């Protein structure tokens, strides 16, 4: 863990759910929400993983995901009702590294964690987290604290 870098907590069940979702949706990208709270020190404390369906047209799902705006509203309402916030989004990269693409950067929002799992030939591999720089010029690696 590197001091001064953003951090998100994920437990073994959270990690397992994200990886299994990536494997299940392979060779398409999976996606979902990370719900939790933001601590005083800026750490994102994950409470729940909320998988959703990739709404992108099927011909593009192999390298893109889309979250339906109605689904986003539904998840935000669910989170609010449960005293949580959306603290991040996860998705998979089928047969590609767990590093954000330019497309990911173009569609990212500040402060959110972007957890990416690499799924190589149907098997989940590296799982990394990223946070967009305040100037939107790129992403910085985010520490994952397994709890």
Protein backbone atom coordinates (compact mmCIF):
# COMPACT_ATOMS: atom_id res chain seq x y z
CA UNK A 1 0.00 0.00 0.00
CA UNK A 2 1.34 3.42 -0.96
CA UNK A 3 0.71 6.36 1.38
CA UNK A 4 -1.00 9.41 -0.09
CA UNK A 5 -2.78 7.42 -2.78
CA UNK A 6 -6.54 6.95 -2.78
CA UNK A 7 -7.83 3.71 -1.28
CA UNK A 8 -10.87 1.48 -1.50
CA UNK A 9 -11.71 -1.42 0.81
CA UNK A 10 -13.01 -4.69 -0.64
CA UNK A 11 -13.56 -7.93 1.25
CA UNK A 12 -13.15 -11.46 -0.13
CA UNK A 13 -16.85 -11.69 -1.04
CA UNK A 14 -16.72 -8.39 -2.96
CA UNK A 15 -13.68 -9.55 -4.92
CA UNK A 16 -15.27 -12.92 -5.62
CA UNK A 17 -18.52 -11.34 -6.88
CA UNK A 18 -16.70 -9.00 -9.27
CA UNK A 19 -14.50 -11.78 -10.64
CA UNK A 20 -17.41 -14.21 -11.02
CA UNK A 21 -19.47 -11.57 -12.83
CA UNK A 22 -16.60 -10.99 -15.26
CA UNK A 23 -16.27 -14.72 -15.92
CA UNK A 24 -20.04 -15.19 -16.33
CA UNK A 25 -20.35 -12.38 -18.89
CA UNK A 26 -17.17 -13.30 -20.81
CA UNK A 27 -16.46 -12.64 -23.69
CA UNK A 28 -18.49 -9.49 -23.05
CA UNK A 29 -17.72 -6.77 -20.53
CA UNK A 30 -19.62 -6.95 -17.27
CA UNK A 31 -20.41 -3.93 -15.13
CA UNK A 32 -21.84 -2.97 -11.79
CA UNK A 33 -21.79 -0.54 -8.92
CA UNK A 34 -19.74 -0.35 -5.76
CA UNK A 35 -21.81 0.93 -2.85
CA UNK A 36 -20.40 2.15 0.43
CA UNK A 37 -19.37 5.22 2.35
CA UNK A 38 -16.56 7.73 2.09
CA UNK A 39 -14.53 7.86 5.31
CA UNK A 40 -13.09 11.02 6.87
CA UNK A 41 -9.70 10.29 5.29
CA UNK A 42 -11.20 9.77 1.82
CA UNK A 43 -11.07 5.97 1.85
CA UNK A 44 -14.01 4.36 0.08
CA UNK A 45 -15.41 1.74 2.44
CA UNK A 46 -17.26 -0.80 0.30
CA UNK A 47 -20.40 -2.28 1.79
CA UNK A 48 -22.02 -3.87 -1.24
CA UNK A 49 -21.39 -4.91 -4.83
CA UNK A 50 -24.41 -4.31 -7.08
CA UNK A 51 -24.11 -6.18 -10.42
CA UNK A 52 -26.13 -4.93 -13.39
CA UNK A 53 -26.57 -5.90 -17.02
CA UNK A 54 -24.43 -4.31 -19.70
CA UNK A 55 -26.89 -2.18 -21.72
CA UNK A 56 -24.53 -1.66 -24.67
CA UNK A 57 -25.73 -3.17 -27.95
CA UNK A 58 -24.56 -6.78 -28.12
CA UNK A 59 -22.19 -6.20 -31.03
CA UNK A 60 -20.14 -3.79 -28.89
CA UNK A 61 -20.30 -5.57 -25.51
CA UNK A 62 -16.96 -7.31 -26.08
CA UNK A 63 -15.09 -4.06 -25.42
CA UNK A 64 -17.63 -1.55 -24.06
CA UNK A 65 -20.18 -1.34 -21.29
CA UNK A 66 -23.11 0.99 -20.86
CA UNK A 67 -25.14 1.71 -17.76
CA UNK A 68 -28.76 2.54 -18.55
CA UNK A 69 -29.64 5.89 -16.90
CA UNK A 70 -32.79 4.32 -15.42
CA UNK A 71 -30.60 1.66 -13.80
CA UNK A 72 -28.33 4.38 -12.40
CA UNK A 73 -31.32 6.14 -10.81
CA UNK A 74 -32.59 2.82 -9.43
CA UNK A 75 -29.21 2.09 -7.84
CA UNK A 76 -28.84 5.59 -6.41
CA UNK A 77 -32.31 5.30 -4.83
CA UNK A 78 -31.44 1.87 -3.44
CA UNK A 79 -28.17 3.20 -2.01
CA UNK A 80 -29.84 6.24 -0.43
CA UNK A 81 -32.55 4.04 1.12
CA UNK A 82 -29.77 1.90 2.66
CA UNK A 83 -27.69 4.89 3.84
CA UNK A 84 -24.97 4.22 1.27
CA UNK A 85 -23.45 6.08 -1.66
CA UNK A 86 -22.25 4.98 -5.05
CA UNK A 87 -18.48 5.09 -4.48
CA UNK A 88 -17.43 3.37 -7.67
CA UNK A 89 -18.12 1.33 -10.75
CA UNK A 90 -16.56 -1.96 -11.74
CA UNK A 91 -16.25 -3.61 -15.11
CA UNK A 92 -14.27 -6.30 -16.86
CA UNK A 93 -11.76 -6.20 -19.69
CA UNK A 94 -12.11 -9.44 -21.65
CA UNK A 95 -8.70 -10.57 -22.91
CA UNK A 96 -7.14 -7.22 -22.02
CA UNK A 97 -5.24 -5.88 -18.99
CA UNK A 98 -7.02 -4.43 -15.97
CA UNK A 99 -5.99 -0.93 -16.99
CA UNK A 100 -8.35 1.87 -18.03
CA UNK A 101 -8.75 2.61 -21.72
CA UNK A 102 -9.11 6.04 -23.30
CA UNK A 103 -12.84 5.26 -23.58
CA UNK A 104 -12.90 4.62 -19.81
CA UNK A 105 -11.23 7.98 -19.20
CA UNK A 106 -13.58 9.81 -21.56
CA UNK A 107 -16.58 8.54 -19.59
CA UNK A 108 -15.20 8.64 -16.02
CA UNK A 109 -16.39 10.84 -13.18
CA UNK A 110 -14.21 12.38 -10.49
CA UNK A 111 -13.82 10.73 -7.07
CA UNK A 112 -15.34 7.38 -8.11
CA UNK A 113 -13.26 4.25 -7.93
CA UNK A 114 -13.04 2.32 -11.19
CA UNK A 115 -12.34 -1.32 -10.45
CA UNK A 116 -11.35 -3.34 -13.50
CA UNK A 117 -10.94 -7.09 -13.63
CA UNK A 118 -9.01 -8.65 -16.49
CA UNK A 119 -10.70 -11.81 -17.76
CA UNK A 120 -8.31 -13.85 -19.91
CA UNK A 121 -9.87 -16.70 -21.90
CA UNK A 122 -12.79 -16.81 -19.46
CA UNK A 123 -10.70 -16.77 -16.25
CA UNK A 124 -10.58 -13.73 -13.97
CA UNK A 125 -7.05 -12.50 -13.36
CA UNK A 126 -5.74 -9.13 -12.20
CA UNK A 127 -8.18 -6.86 -10.42
CA UNK A 128 -7.05 -3.26 -10.04
CA UNK A 129 -8.66 -0.01 -8.96
CA UNK A 130 -8.22 3.43 -10.47
CA UNK A 131 -9.30 6.99 -9.72
CA UNK A 132 -9.41 9.74 -12.32
CA UNK A 133 -7.01 12.64 -11.77
CA UNK A 134 -8.76 15.92 -10.87
CA UNK A 135 -7.61 17.47 -14.18
CA UNK A 136 -9.14 14.51 -16.14
CA UNK A 137 -5.76 13.85 -17.81
CA UNK A 138 -5.68 10.18 -16.82
CA UNK A 139 -6.08 7.73 -13.97
CA UNK A 140 -4.00 7.05 -10.90
CA UNK A 141 -3.73 3.59 -9.41
CA UNK A 142 -5.80 3.26 -6.25
CA UNK A 143 -4.82 1.01 -3.38
CA UNK A 144 -7.16 -1.89 -2.65
CA UNK A 145 -7.24 -2.77 1.01
CA UNK A 146 -8.58 -6.30 1.40
CA UNK A 147 -10.55 -6.58 4.63
